[in-house]
């Protein structure tokens, strides 16, 4: 069963507003203009913007398809496999990150998931490469998070 994007956007909007309200209760750091709630507030604002876009998209789609026949749905087993691919990717990352390192494993996971879901392998390679580079730059260089590297 496919849920309209407007409903998903509404749920995300409520969650992001709750996160934003909670983040404002976190203490400020002494002598600094920001505190512990800065990063969650930024995430909540981005999530709220995305949810507004989802609600707009869902309402447009609903109004465009009003009165039309329902489309044929995917078999439930394929939809279940698609849904389980995300937790499976997380488990694969947890199992192999110390052996392969962040960059190769991130590329393989993003490439395989996008390629499998879209069947556009060239685009999957480009997106996987750019995602891996951006994530490495943000986490390793900007935020100074020690990402696992290859042991060999």
Protein backbone atom coordinates (compact mmCIF):
# COMPACT_ATOMS: atom_id res chain seq x y z
CA UNK A 1 0.00 0.00 0.00
CA UNK A 2 1.45 3.34 -1.04
CA UNK A 3 1.02 6.25 1.32
CA UNK A 4 0.52 9.68 -0.18
CA UNK A 5 3.50 12.04 0.19
CA UNK A 6 1.27 14.63 1.86
CA UNK A 7 0.65 12.31 4.81
CA UNK A 8 4.34 11.41 5.07
CA UNK A 9 5.21 15.10 4.93
CA UNK A 10 2.70 15.90 7.66
CA UNK A 11 4.15 13.23 9.95
CA UNK A 12 7.69 14.49 9.29
CA UNK A 13 6.60 18.09 9.89
CA UNK A 14 5.11 17.22 13.28
CA UNK A 15 8.25 15.27 14.21
CA UNK A 16 10.57 18.08 13.11
CA UNK A 17 8.59 20.68 15.07
CA UNK A 18 8.80 18.47 18.17
CA UNK A 19 12.55 18.10 17.62
CA UNK A 20 12.96 21.84 17.19
CA UNK A 21 11.04 22.56 20.40
CA UNK A 22 13.09 20.00 22.32
CA UNK A 23 16.39 21.29 20.90
CA UNK A 24 15.61 24.76 22.26
CA UNK A 25 15.56 23.33 25.80
CA UNK A 26 19.15 22.06 25.60
CA UNK A 27 21.72 24.18 27.46
CA UNK A 28 23.86 26.83 25.83
CA UNK A 29 27.66 26.65 26.06
CA UNK A 30 29.17 29.35 28.23
CA UNK A 31 30.82 32.10 26.24
CA UNK A 32 29.54 30.86 22.88
CA UNK A 33 26.51 32.00 20.88
CA UNK A 34 25.48 28.40 20.22
CA UNK A 35 24.88 25.38 22.39
CA UNK A 36 24.04 21.71 22.39
CA UNK A 37 20.77 22.34 20.55
CA UNK A 38 22.30 24.02 17.51
CA UNK A 39 22.87 20.93 15.39
CA UNK A 40 19.48 19.32 16.20
CA UNK A 41 17.81 22.66 15.40
CA UNK A 42 19.49 22.82 12.00
CA UNK A 43 18.45 19.22 11.28
CA UNK A 44 14.88 19.98 12.40
CA UNK A 45 14.68 23.03 10.12
CA UNK A 46 15.97 21.04 7.14
CA UNK A 47 13.52 18.24 7.90
CA UNK A 48 10.69 20.76 8.15
CA UNK A 49 11.58 22.25 4.76
CA UNK A 50 11.70 18.79 3.23
CA UNK A 51 8.36 17.87 4.76
CA UNK A 52 6.75 21.00 3.32
CA UNK A 53 8.03 19.94 -0.10
CA UNK A 54 6.62 16.45 0.42
CA UNK A 55 3.21 17.84 1.42
CA UNK A 56 3.16 20.08 -1.65
CA UNK A 57 4.15 17.18 -3.92
CA UNK A 58 1.56 14.89 -2.35
CA UNK A 59 -1.24 17.40 -2.72
CA UNK A 60 -0.30 18.08 -6.36
CA UNK A 61 -0.22 14.36 -7.09
CA UNK A 62 -3.53 13.77 -5.33
CA UNK A 63 -5.27 16.56 -7.24
CA UNK A 64 -3.79 15.40 -10.57
CA UNK A 65 -4.86 11.77 -10.06
CA UNK A 66 -8.29 12.47 -8.57
CA UNK A 67 -10.88 10.32 -10.30
CA UNK A 68 -8.36 8.22 -12.23
CA UNK A 69 -8.05 4.48 -11.96
CA UNK A 70 -5.55 3.10 -9.47
CA UNK A 71 -2.21 2.00 -10.88
CA UNK A 72 -1.05 -1.59 -10.65
CA UNK A 73 1.01 -2.07 -7.51
CA UNK A 74 4.26 -3.97 -7.10
CA UNK A 75 4.04 -7.47 -5.69
CA UNK A 76 4.30 -7.40 -1.92
CA UNK A 77 7.45 -9.52 -1.90
CA UNK A 78 9.36 -7.05 -4.10
CA UNK A 79 8.16 -4.13 -2.00
CA UNK A 80 9.23 -5.98 1.15
CA UNK A 81 12.68 -6.66 -0.34
CA UNK A 82 13.07 -2.98 -1.20
CA UNK A 83 12.07 -1.98 2.34
CA UNK A 84 14.45 -4.49 3.93
CA UNK A 85 17.39 -3.34 1.80
CA UNK A 86 18.04 -0.37 4.09
CA UNK A 87 18.36 -2.36 7.35
CA UNK A 88 20.38 -4.96 5.45
CA UNK A 89 22.77 -2.25 4.23
CA UNK A 90 23.20 -1.02 7.81
CA UNK A 91 24.00 -4.55 9.00
CA UNK A 92 26.47 -5.05 6.12
CA UNK A 93 28.17 -1.77 7.02
CA UNK A 94 28.46 -2.75 10.69
CA UNK A 95 29.90 -6.15 9.77
CA UNK A 96 32.51 -5.02 7.23
CA UNK A 97 33.46 -1.42 8.13
CA UNK A 98 36.46 -2.42 10.23
CA UNK A 99 37.72 -4.75 7.51
CA UNK A 100 37.08 -2.65 4.38
CA UNK A 101 37.02 0.89 5.73
CA UNK A 102 34.51 3.67 5.18
CA UNK A 103 35.14 4.82 1.60
CA UNK A 104 35.09 1.49 -0.29
CA UNK A 105 32.17 0.16 1.72
CA UNK A 106 30.15 3.35 1.35
CA UNK A 107 30.71 3.29 -2.42
CA UNK A 108 29.71 -0.39 -2.71
CA UNK A 109 26.56 0.00 -0.60
CA UNK A 110 25.31 3.16 -2.33
CA UNK A 111 26.18 1.80 -5.79
CA UNK A 112 24.46 -1.54 -5.23
CA UNK A 113 21.32 -0.06 -3.69
CA UNK A 114 20.81 2.65 -6.30
CA UNK A 115 21.70 0.29 -9.15
CA UNK A 116 19.34 -2.40 -7.87
CA UNK A 117 16.44 -0.03 -7.24
CA UNK A 118 16.73 2.00 -10.45
CA UNK A 119 18.57 -0.34 -12.86
CA UNK A 120 20.62 2.70 -13.99
CA UNK A 121 24.14 1.52 -13.27
CA UNK A 122 26.10 4.45 -14.73
CA UNK A 123 24.06 6.91 -12.70
CA UNK A 124 24.46 4.66 -9.64
CA UNK A 125 28.26 4.76 -10.01
CA UNK A 126 28.28 8.55 -10.33
CA UNK A 127 25.96 9.05 -7.34
CA UNK A 128 27.91 6.53 -5.24
CA UNK A 129 31.21 8.23 -5.99
CA UNK A 130 29.92 11.72 -5.26
CA UNK A 131 28.11 10.58 -2.10
CA UNK A 132 31.23 8.86 -0.80
CA UNK A 133 33.40 11.92 -1.51
CA UNK A 134 30.97 14.37 0.07
CA UNK A 135 30.45 12.21 3.16
CA UNK A 136 34.20 11.72 3.56
CA UNK A 137 34.87 15.45 3.24
CA UNK A 138 32.10 16.45 5.64
CA UNK A 139 32.79 13.88 8.34
CA UNK A 140 36.56 13.35 8.12
CA UNK A 141 37.73 16.82 7.13
CA UNK A 142 35.12 19.32 8.35
CA UNK A 143 33.74 17.60 11.47
CA UNK A 144 36.99 15.75 12.26
CA UNK A 145 35.20 12.42 12.83
CA UNK A 146 37.69 9.52 12.67
CA UNK A 147 36.26 7.29 9.95
CA UNK A 148 37.52 3.70 9.65
CA UNK A 149 40.21 3.20 7.04
CA UNK A 150 41.36 0.05 5.29
CA UNK A 151 43.70 -2.02 7.49
CA UNK A 152 45.84 -3.19 4.57
